[in-house]
C-alpha cells in the first residue's frame, strides 16, 4: 500500500484529530506552521516532525496560482487566506506527483475549493456536506452576479449585494 499524505490545515493541528498513522504522513506549508502559537498544538506538531510523521513542503508558485484561480471560480476568493490558498496548492502539487493525497481541514472554503478541484478531502468535524459555487445577489431586486467582490453595489438598484450560493452539489 502507498503512503497517504494528509495535507493539514492549522485548525487540524489545533485539534486532537486522530488519524490512522500507519502508512501515512502529515504534510503542511511553513506558513501554516507559523500560525500555530499555543503550546499544546506547537508541542504536538514539533513531536510529529521529530518522529518524521510530519513534513513542511511549500508548493511551487504554479500550483498557488491554480489554487487561486479555483478559489475565484468557486467564489471563495473573498473569504480564503493566502496561507489556505498555499495549502490547496500543496495538495494539488502532491496529487500531480501521483501521491495519495487527502486534504484535511475544518475550513469550509478550503474544503469547497479542494473538492471542486476533484481532490480528496476530509472534514474531521463532519459538517461539510456540499460543494458550493458562490456569487453575489442583491437582497432588494434579486439581481445576481457570478463575480464575487466584497462591498459591491447592485448595478440595477444600488443596494449592497450579498454573497450567496449560486450552485450546490451534495457530497
N, C-alpha and C. Protein backbone atom coordinates (compact mmCIF):
# COMPACT_ATOMS: atom_id res chain seq x y z
N UNK A 1 0.84 -1.20 0.00
CA UNK A 1 0.00 0.00 0.00
C UNK A 1 0.88 1.24 0.00
N UNK A 2 0.51 2.26 -0.77
CA UNK A 2 1.28 3.50 -0.80
C UNK A 2 1.00 4.35 0.43
N UNK A 3 1.93 5.23 0.68
CA UNK A 3 1.80 6.13 1.81
C UNK A 3 0.75 7.20 1.48
N UNK A 4 -0.10 7.49 2.46
CA UNK A 4 -1.11 8.54 2.30
C UNK A 4 -0.53 9.83 2.86
N UNK A 5 -0.64 10.90 2.08
CA UNK A 5 -0.21 12.23 2.50
C UNK A 5 -1.45 13.00 2.95
N UNK A 6 -1.54 13.27 4.24
CA UNK A 6 -2.62 14.10 4.77
C UNK A 6 -2.11 15.54 4.79
N UNK A 7 -2.64 16.36 3.89
CA UNK A 7 -2.28 17.78 3.84
C UNK A 7 -3.18 18.48 4.85
N UNK A 8 -2.58 19.03 5.92
CA UNK A 8 -3.38 19.52 7.05
C UNK A 8 -3.31 21.02 7.23
N UNK A 9 -4.45 21.56 7.62
CA UNK A 9 -4.63 22.97 7.92
C UNK A 9 -4.30 23.21 9.40
N UNK A 10 -4.08 24.46 9.77
CA UNK A 10 -3.76 24.80 11.16
C UNK A 10 -4.87 24.35 12.11
N UNK A 11 -6.12 24.48 11.69
CA UNK A 11 -7.24 24.08 12.55
C UNK A 11 -7.16 22.62 12.95
N UNK A 12 -6.66 21.79 12.06
CA UNK A 12 -6.50 20.36 12.35
C UNK A 12 -5.37 20.17 13.36
N UNK A 13 -4.31 20.96 13.22
CA UNK A 13 -3.19 20.84 14.15
C UNK A 13 -3.54 21.37 15.54
N UNK A 14 -4.55 22.24 15.62
CA UNK A 14 -5.01 22.73 16.93
C UNK A 14 -5.86 21.68 17.64
N UNK A 15 -6.44 20.78 16.87
CA UNK A 15 -7.38 19.81 17.42
C UNK A 15 -6.69 18.49 17.74
N UNK A 16 -7.34 17.67 18.54
CA UNK A 16 -6.78 16.34 18.82
C UNK A 16 -7.23 15.30 17.79
N UNK A 17 -7.38 15.70 16.53
CA UNK A 17 -7.84 14.80 15.46
C UNK A 17 -6.97 13.55 15.43
N UNK A 18 -7.62 12.43 15.37
CA UNK A 18 -6.92 11.14 15.32
C UNK A 18 -6.93 10.61 13.89
N UNK A 19 -5.78 10.19 13.42
CA UNK A 19 -5.71 9.60 12.09
C UNK A 19 -5.07 8.23 12.19
N UNK A 20 -5.29 7.42 11.19
CA UNK A 20 -4.62 6.12 11.11
C UNK A 20 -3.20 6.40 10.65
N UNK A 21 -2.26 6.37 11.58
CA UNK A 21 -0.89 6.80 11.30
C UNK A 21 -0.11 5.81 10.44
N UNK A 22 -0.55 4.55 10.37
CA UNK A 22 0.17 3.56 9.59
C UNK A 22 0.15 3.96 8.11
N UNK A 23 1.32 3.98 7.51
CA UNK A 23 1.47 4.32 6.08
C UNK A 23 0.91 5.69 5.74
N UNK A 24 0.98 6.64 6.66
CA UNK A 24 0.51 7.99 6.36
C UNK A 24 1.48 9.02 6.92
N UNK A 25 1.38 10.21 6.37
CA UNK A 25 2.28 11.28 6.74
C UNK A 25 1.51 12.60 6.72
N UNK A 26 1.68 13.42 7.74
CA UNK A 26 1.09 14.75 7.74
C UNK A 26 2.01 15.68 6.97
N UNK A 27 1.43 16.54 6.14
CA UNK A 27 2.20 17.50 5.36
C UNK A 27 1.48 18.83 5.44
N UNK A 28 2.23 19.90 5.59
CA UNK A 28 1.65 21.24 5.57
C UNK A 28 2.69 22.22 5.06
N UNK A 29 2.32 23.48 4.97
CA UNK A 29 3.25 24.50 4.50
C UNK A 29 3.92 25.20 5.68
N UNK A 30 5.02 25.86 5.43
CA UNK A 30 5.71 26.58 6.51
C UNK A 30 4.84 27.72 7.05
N UNK A 31 4.03 28.35 6.21
CA UNK A 31 3.15 29.41 6.70
C UNK A 31 2.05 28.89 7.61
N UNK A 32 1.56 27.68 7.36
CA UNK A 32 0.58 27.08 8.26
C UNK A 32 1.24 26.78 9.61
N UNK A 33 2.46 26.26 9.59
CA UNK A 33 3.20 26.00 10.83
C UNK A 33 3.34 27.30 11.63
N UNK A 34 3.59 28.42 10.95
CA UNK A 34 3.74 29.71 11.64
C UNK A 34 2.45 30.18 12.31
N UNK A 35 1.29 29.64 11.90
CA UNK A 35 0.02 30.00 12.52
C UNK A 35 -0.15 29.34 13.89
N UNK A 36 0.62 28.30 14.16
CA UNK A 36 0.46 27.54 15.41
C UNK A 36 1.22 28.25 16.52
N UNK A 37 0.48 28.76 17.47
CA UNK A 37 1.10 29.54 18.54
C UNK A 37 0.86 28.96 19.94
N UNK A 38 -0.24 28.24 20.14
CA UNK A 38 -0.48 27.75 21.50
C UNK A 38 0.44 26.56 21.81
N UNK A 39 0.85 26.45 23.07
CA UNK A 39 1.87 25.48 23.46
C UNK A 39 1.49 24.02 23.19
N UNK A 40 0.27 23.57 23.53
CA UNK A 40 -0.04 22.16 23.28
C UNK A 40 0.03 21.79 21.80
N UNK A 41 -0.52 22.65 20.95
CA UNK A 41 -0.51 22.38 19.50
C UNK A 41 0.91 22.45 18.94
N UNK A 42 1.67 23.42 19.40
CA UNK A 42 3.05 23.58 18.94
C UNK A 42 3.88 22.35 19.36
N UNK A 43 3.68 21.90 20.58
CA UNK A 43 4.40 20.73 21.09
C UNK A 43 4.03 19.47 20.30
N UNK A 44 2.74 19.29 20.04
CA UNK A 44 2.26 18.13 19.28
C UNK A 44 2.85 18.15 17.86
N UNK A 45 2.88 19.33 17.25
CA UNK A 45 3.42 19.49 15.90
C UNK A 45 4.92 19.20 15.88
N UNK A 46 5.65 19.76 16.83
CA UNK A 46 7.09 19.53 16.89
C UNK A 46 7.41 18.05 17.11
N UNK A 47 6.63 17.38 17.95
CA UNK A 47 6.81 15.95 18.19
C UNK A 47 6.60 15.16 16.90
N UNK A 48 5.54 15.49 16.16
CA UNK A 48 5.27 14.80 14.90
C UNK A 48 6.43 14.99 13.92
N UNK A 49 7.03 16.18 13.91
CA UNK A 49 8.14 16.45 13.00
C UNK A 49 9.39 15.68 13.43
N UNK A 50 9.66 15.64 14.72
CA UNK A 50 10.82 14.89 15.23
C UNK A 50 10.68 13.41 14.90
N UNK A 51 9.45 12.89 15.03
CA UNK A 51 9.20 11.47 14.74
C UNK A 51 9.09 11.19 13.23
N UNK A 52 9.30 12.23 12.43
CA UNK A 52 9.22 12.14 10.97
C UNK A 52 7.85 11.66 10.49
N UNK A 53 6.81 12.08 11.22
CA UNK A 53 5.42 11.80 10.83
C UNK A 53 4.79 13.03 10.20
N UNK A 54 5.58 14.13 10.14
CA UNK A 54 5.08 15.38 9.56
C UNK A 54 6.21 16.10 8.84
N UNK A 55 5.87 16.65 7.67
CA UNK A 55 6.82 17.42 6.87
C UNK A 55 6.22 18.78 6.53
N UNK A 56 7.09 19.75 6.29
CA UNK A 56 6.63 21.00 5.71
C UNK A 56 7.17 21.06 4.28
N UNK A 57 6.27 21.34 3.36
CA UNK A 57 6.62 21.49 1.95
C UNK A 57 5.87 22.72 1.43
N UNK A 58 6.58 23.61 0.78
CA UNK A 58 5.92 24.77 0.19
C UNK A 58 5.69 24.51 -1.30
N UNK A 59 4.47 24.77 -1.78
CA UNK A 59 4.17 24.49 -3.19
C UNK A 59 4.87 25.46 -4.13
N UNK A 60 5.10 24.99 -5.33
CA UNK A 60 5.66 25.82 -6.41
C UNK A 60 4.59 26.85 -6.78
N UNK A 61 5.01 28.04 -7.20
CA UNK A 61 4.08 29.14 -7.47
C UNK A 61 2.99 28.79 -8.48
N UNK A 62 3.30 27.91 -9.44
CA UNK A 62 2.30 27.49 -10.43
C UNK A 62 1.06 26.90 -9.75
N UNK A 63 1.27 26.12 -8.70
CA UNK A 63 0.16 25.47 -8.01
C UNK A 63 -0.62 26.46 -7.14
N UNK A 64 0.08 27.45 -6.61
CA UNK A 64 -0.60 28.50 -5.85
C UNK A 64 -1.52 29.28 -6.79
N UNK A 65 -1.02 29.59 -7.99
CA UNK A 65 -1.82 30.29 -8.99
C UNK A 65 -3.05 29.48 -9.37
N UNK A 66 -2.87 28.19 -9.58
CA UNK A 66 -4.00 27.33 -9.95
C UNK A 66 -5.03 27.24 -8.81
N UNK A 67 -4.55 27.19 -7.57
CA UNK A 67 -5.46 27.15 -6.43
C UNK A 67 -6.23 28.47 -6.31
N UNK A 68 -5.54 29.57 -6.55
CA UNK A 68 -6.19 30.88 -6.51
C UNK A 68 -7.24 31.01 -7.60
N UNK A 69 -6.93 30.52 -8.79
CA UNK A 69 -7.90 30.53 -9.89
C UNK A 69 -9.14 29.71 -9.53
N UNK A 70 -8.93 28.56 -8.87
CA UNK A 70 -10.05 27.72 -8.44
C UNK A 70 -10.90 28.45 -7.39
N UNK A 71 -10.24 29.20 -6.51
CA UNK A 71 -10.96 29.98 -5.49
C UNK A 71 -11.79 31.08 -6.14
N UNK A 72 -11.28 31.67 -7.20
CA UNK A 72 -12.02 32.69 -7.94
C UNK A 72 -13.24 32.06 -8.60
N UNK A 73 -13.04 30.91 -9.26
CA UNK A 73 -14.14 30.22 -9.94
C UNK A 73 -15.23 29.77 -8.97
N UNK A 74 -14.84 29.34 -7.76
CA UNK A 74 -15.82 28.85 -6.79
C UNK A 74 -16.51 30.00 -6.06
N UNK A 75 -15.88 31.19 -6.10
CA UNK A 75 -16.43 32.33 -5.38
C UNK A 75 -15.95 32.42 -3.94
N UNK A 76 -14.96 31.61 -3.57
CA UNK A 76 -14.44 31.61 -2.21
C UNK A 76 -13.26 32.56 -2.02
N UNK A 77 -12.82 33.22 -3.07
CA UNK A 77 -11.62 34.04 -3.01
C UNK A 77 -11.70 35.15 -1.95
N UNK A 78 -12.89 35.67 -1.69
CA UNK A 78 -13.01 36.77 -0.73
C UNK A 78 -12.95 36.31 0.72
N UNK A 79 -13.04 35.00 0.96
CA UNK A 79 -13.07 34.50 2.34
C UNK A 79 -11.92 33.55 2.68
N UNK A 80 -11.01 33.36 1.74
CA UNK A 80 -9.91 32.41 1.99
C UNK A 80 -8.59 33.17 2.13
N UNK A 81 -7.75 32.70 3.06
CA UNK A 81 -6.47 33.37 3.30
C UNK A 81 -5.41 32.90 2.30
N UNK A 82 -4.34 33.68 2.19
CA UNK A 82 -3.22 33.31 1.32
C UNK A 82 -2.60 31.99 1.78
N UNK A 83 -2.52 31.79 3.11
CA UNK A 83 -1.97 30.54 3.64
C UNK A 83 -2.82 29.34 3.21
N UNK A 84 -4.13 29.51 3.22
CA UNK A 84 -5.02 28.42 2.82
C UNK A 84 -4.94 28.16 1.31
N UNK A 85 -4.73 29.21 0.52
CA UNK A 85 -4.52 29.04 -0.93
C UNK A 85 -3.26 28.20 -1.14
N UNK A 86 -2.20 28.50 -0.39
CA UNK A 86 -0.96 27.72 -0.48
C UNK A 86 -1.22 26.26 -0.14
N UNK A 87 -2.03 26.03 0.88
CA UNK A 87 -2.33 24.66 1.31
C UNK A 87 -3.04 23.88 0.20
N UNK A 88 -4.01 24.50 -0.44
CA UNK A 88 -4.71 23.86 -1.56
C UNK A 88 -3.71 23.61 -2.70
N UNK A 89 -2.82 24.58 -2.94
CA UNK A 89 -1.79 24.41 -3.95
C UNK A 89 -0.87 23.24 -3.64
N UNK A 90 -0.55 23.07 -2.37
CA UNK A 90 0.28 21.93 -1.95
C UNK A 90 -0.43 20.60 -2.23
N UNK A 91 -1.70 20.52 -1.89
CA UNK A 91 -2.47 19.29 -2.16
C UNK A 91 -2.49 18.99 -3.66
N UNK A 92 -2.69 20.01 -4.46
CA UNK A 92 -2.71 19.83 -5.92
C UNK A 92 -1.34 19.36 -6.43
N UNK A 93 -0.28 19.98 -5.92
CA UNK A 93 1.07 19.62 -6.35
C UNK A 93 1.39 18.16 -6.01
N UNK A 94 1.09 17.75 -4.79
CA UNK A 94 1.35 16.36 -4.38
C UNK A 94 0.50 15.38 -5.18
N UNK A 95 -0.76 15.77 -5.45
CA UNK A 95 -1.64 14.92 -6.24
C UNK A 95 -1.08 14.71 -7.64
N UNK A 96 -0.56 15.77 -8.24
CA UNK A 96 0.01 15.66 -9.58
C UNK A 96 1.34 14.92 -9.61
N UNK A 97 1.96 14.79 -8.42
CA UNK A 97 3.17 13.96 -8.31
C UNK A 97 2.78 12.51 -8.07
N UNK A 98 1.47 12.23 -8.21
CA UNK A 98 0.89 10.90 -8.08
C UNK A 98 1.05 10.32 -6.68
N UNK A 99 0.96 11.18 -5.68
CA UNK A 99 0.92 10.74 -4.29
C UNK A 99 -0.56 10.50 -3.93
N UNK A 100 -0.77 9.67 -2.92
CA UNK A 100 -2.15 9.52 -2.40
C UNK A 100 -2.37 10.66 -1.42
N UNK A 101 -3.20 11.62 -1.80
CA UNK A 101 -3.36 12.87 -1.04
C UNK A 101 -4.79 13.02 -0.54
N UNK A 102 -4.90 13.44 0.72
CA UNK A 102 -6.18 13.81 1.30
C UNK A 102 -5.96 15.13 2.03
N UNK A 103 -6.71 16.16 1.64
CA UNK A 103 -6.61 17.44 2.34
C UNK A 103 -7.55 17.40 3.53
N UNK A 104 -7.02 17.69 4.73
CA UNK A 104 -7.79 17.65 5.97
C UNK A 104 -7.92 19.07 6.51
N UNK A 105 -9.17 19.53 6.65
CA UNK A 105 -9.40 20.89 7.13
C UNK A 105 -10.80 20.97 7.72
N UNK A 106 -10.99 21.97 8.58
CA UNK A 106 -12.33 22.27 9.09
C UNK A 106 -12.83 23.57 8.46
N UNK A 107 -12.05 24.16 7.56
CA UNK A 107 -12.39 25.42 6.90
C UNK A 107 -13.22 25.10 5.66
N UNK A 108 -14.47 25.57 5.63
CA UNK A 108 -15.38 25.25 4.53
C UNK A 108 -14.87 25.75 3.18
N UNK A 109 -14.24 26.92 3.14
CA UNK A 109 -13.74 27.44 1.86
C UNK A 109 -12.62 26.55 1.33
N UNK A 110 -11.72 26.11 2.20
CA UNK A 110 -10.63 25.23 1.80
C UNK A 110 -11.20 23.91 1.28
N UNK A 111 -12.13 23.33 2.02
CA UNK A 111 -12.75 22.06 1.62
C UNK A 111 -13.52 22.22 0.30
N UNK A 112 -14.23 23.33 0.16
CA UNK A 112 -15.02 23.57 -1.04
C UNK A 112 -14.13 23.65 -2.29
N UNK A 113 -13.09 24.46 -2.22
CA UNK A 113 -12.20 24.64 -3.37
C UNK A 113 -11.52 23.32 -3.72
N UNK A 114 -11.02 22.62 -2.71
CA UNK A 114 -10.32 21.36 -2.94
C UNK A 114 -11.24 20.32 -3.55
N UNK A 115 -12.46 20.24 -3.05
CA UNK A 115 -13.44 19.28 -3.57
C UNK A 115 -13.81 19.62 -5.01
N UNK A 116 -14.02 20.90 -5.30
CA UNK A 116 -14.36 21.31 -6.66
C UNK A 116 -13.22 21.03 -7.65
N UNK A 117 -11.98 20.97 -7.15
CA UNK A 117 -10.83 20.66 -8.00
C UNK A 117 -10.69 19.15 -8.22
N UNK A 118 -11.54 18.38 -7.55
CA UNK A 118 -11.52 16.93 -7.74
C UNK A 118 -10.55 16.19 -6.84
N UNK A 119 -10.03 16.87 -5.81
CA UNK A 119 -9.11 16.23 -4.88
C UNK A 119 -9.88 15.65 -3.69
N UNK A 120 -9.29 14.69 -3.01
CA UNK A 120 -9.93 14.07 -1.85
C UNK A 120 -9.84 15.00 -0.65
N UNK A 121 -10.93 15.04 0.13
CA UNK A 121 -10.97 15.88 1.32
C UNK A 121 -11.44 15.07 2.52
N UNK A 122 -11.12 15.59 3.70
CA UNK A 122 -11.60 15.01 4.95
C UNK A 122 -11.89 16.17 5.90
N UNK A 123 -13.11 16.20 6.40
CA UNK A 123 -13.52 17.20 7.38
C UNK A 123 -13.70 16.49 8.72
N UNK A 124 -12.75 16.66 9.65
CA UNK A 124 -12.86 15.98 10.94
C UNK A 124 -14.14 16.34 11.71
N UNK A 125 -14.69 17.53 11.46
CA UNK A 125 -15.92 17.94 12.15
C UNK A 125 -17.16 17.32 11.52
N UNK A 126 -17.01 16.78 10.30
CA UNK A 126 -18.10 16.14 9.54
C UNK A 126 -19.28 17.09 9.27
N UNK A 127 -18.99 18.39 9.12
CA UNK A 127 -20.04 19.38 8.85
C UNK A 127 -20.10 19.80 7.39
N UNK A 128 -19.04 19.58 6.64
CA UNK A 128 -19.01 19.97 5.23
C UNK A 128 -19.77 18.92 4.42
N UNK A 129 -20.92 19.31 3.88
CA UNK A 129 -21.79 18.34 3.22
C UNK A 129 -22.03 18.60 1.74
N UNK A 130 -21.66 19.78 1.24
CA UNK A 130 -21.92 20.07 -0.17
C UNK A 130 -20.93 21.07 -0.74
N UNK A 131 -20.65 20.90 -2.03
CA UNK A 131 -19.83 21.86 -2.76
C UNK A 131 -20.72 23.03 -3.14
N UNK A 132 -20.15 24.22 -3.11
CA UNK A 132 -20.92 25.42 -3.43
C UNK A 132 -20.13 26.31 -4.36
N UNK A 133 -20.79 26.83 -5.40
CA UNK A 133 -20.23 27.89 -6.23
C UNK A 133 -20.94 29.16 -5.78
N UNK A 134 -20.15 30.13 -5.31
CA UNK A 134 -20.70 31.36 -4.73
C UNK A 134 -20.80 32.47 -5.76
N UNK A 135 -21.68 33.40 -5.50
CA UNK A 135 -21.83 34.60 -6.31
C UNK A 135 -22.38 35.71 -5.43
N UNK A 136 -22.81 36.79 -6.06
CA UNK A 136 -23.38 37.92 -5.33
C UNK A 136 -24.85 38.07 -5.74
N UNK A 137 -25.67 38.46 -4.76
CA UNK A 137 -27.10 38.63 -5.03
C UNK A 137 -27.59 39.87 -4.30
N UNK A 138 -28.42 40.62 -4.97
CA UNK A 138 -29.00 41.82 -4.37
C UNK A 138 -30.21 41.41 -3.54
N UNK A 139 -30.26 41.79 -2.27
CA UNK A 139 -31.40 41.43 -1.44
C UNK A 139 -32.67 42.21 -1.80
N UNK A 140 -32.51 43.32 -2.52
CA UNK A 140 -33.67 44.14 -2.87
C UNK A 140 -34.33 43.69 -4.18
N UNK A 141 -33.55 43.66 -5.27
CA UNK A 141 -34.13 43.34 -6.58
C UNK A 141 -33.80 41.92 -7.06
N UNK A 142 -32.97 41.21 -6.30
CA UNK A 142 -32.58 39.82 -6.58
C UNK A 142 -31.68 39.64 -7.80
N UNK A 143 -31.06 40.72 -8.28
CA UNK A 143 -30.08 40.63 -9.37
C UNK A 143 -28.90 39.79 -8.89
N UNK A 144 -28.38 38.88 -9.76
CA UNK A 144 -27.25 38.03 -9.40
C UNK A 144 -26.04 38.29 -10.29
N UNK A 145 -24.87 38.15 -9.70
CA UNK A 145 -23.60 38.29 -10.41
C UNK A 145 -22.75 37.07 -10.10
N UNK A 146 -22.04 36.55 -11.10
CA UNK A 146 -21.13 35.44 -10.86
C UNK A 146 -19.84 35.90 -10.22
N UNK A 147 -19.41 37.11 -10.53
CA UNK A 147 -18.18 37.62 -9.95
C UNK A 147 -18.42 37.94 -8.49
N UNK A 148 -17.42 37.68 -7.68
CA UNK A 148 -17.56 37.85 -6.25
C UNK A 148 -16.59 38.91 -5.76
N UNK A 149 -17.13 40.02 -5.34
CA UNK A 149 -16.32 41.09 -4.77
C UNK A 149 -17.04 41.60 -3.54
N UNK A 150 -16.29 41.85 -2.52
CA UNK A 150 -16.88 42.43 -1.31
C UNK A 150 -17.31 43.87 -1.61
N UNK A 151 -18.29 44.34 -0.85
CA UNK A 151 -18.72 45.74 -0.93
C UNK A 151 -19.17 46.11 -2.35
N UNK A 152 -19.93 45.26 -2.97
CA UNK A 152 -20.41 45.52 -4.33
C UNK A 152 -21.82 46.07 -4.29
N UNK A 153 -22.02 47.19 -4.98
CA UNK A 153 -23.38 47.73 -5.12
C UNK A 153 -24.04 47.09 -6.31
N UNK A 154 -25.33 46.85 -6.21
CA UNK A 154 -26.10 46.27 -7.29
C UNK A 154 -26.11 47.26 -8.46
N UNK A 155 -25.77 46.78 -9.68
CA UNK A 155 -25.78 47.67 -10.83
C UNK A 155 -27.20 48.05 -11.26
N UNK A 156 -28.20 47.33 -10.76
CA UNK A 156 -29.59 47.62 -11.12
C UNK A 156 -30.21 48.66 -10.18
N UNK A 157 -30.08 48.42 -8.85
CA UNK A 157 -30.78 49.31 -7.92
C UNK A 157 -29.87 50.02 -6.91
N UNK A 158 -28.59 49.66 -6.86
CA UNK A 158 -27.65 50.35 -5.97
C UNK A 158 -27.58 49.80 -4.55
N UNK A 159 -28.36 48.78 -4.23
CA UNK A 159 -28.34 48.16 -2.90
C UNK A 159 -27.06 47.34 -2.74
N UNK A 160 -26.56 47.23 -1.52
CA UNK A 160 -25.38 46.42 -1.23
C UNK A 160 -25.67 44.95 -1.51
N UNK A 161 -24.88 44.33 -2.40
CA UNK A 161 -25.09 42.92 -2.74
C UNK A 161 -24.48 42.03 -1.66
N UNK A 162 -24.98 40.80 -1.54
CA UNK A 162 -24.50 39.84 -0.54
C UNK A 162 -24.02 38.57 -1.21
N UNK A 163 -23.07 37.92 -0.55
CA UNK A 163 -22.56 36.63 -1.03
C UNK A 163 -23.66 35.59 -0.87
N UNK A 164 -23.86 34.80 -1.91
CA UNK A 164 -24.93 33.80 -1.89
C UNK A 164 -24.54 32.59 -2.73
N UNK A 165 -25.03 31.41 -2.38
CA UNK A 165 -24.73 30.23 -3.22
C UNK A 165 -25.48 30.28 -4.53
N UNK A 166 -24.76 30.08 -5.65
CA UNK A 166 -25.39 30.03 -6.96
C UNK A 166 -25.68 28.59 -7.37
N UNK A 167 -24.75 27.67 -7.03
CA UNK A 167 -24.93 26.25 -7.34
C UNK A 167 -24.48 25.44 -6.13
N UNK A 168 -25.22 24.36 -5.84
CA UNK A 168 -24.85 23.46 -4.74
C UNK A 168 -24.88 22.03 -5.26
N UNK A 169 -23.96 21.23 -4.70
CA UNK A 169 -23.95 19.80 -5.04
C UNK A 169 -23.62 19.02 -3.78
N UNK A 170 -24.53 18.13 -3.38
CA UNK A 170 -24.32 17.29 -2.19
C UNK A 170 -23.18 16.34 -2.42
N UNK A 171 -22.39 16.12 -1.38
CA UNK A 171 -21.27 15.17 -1.45
C UNK A 171 -21.74 13.78 -1.12
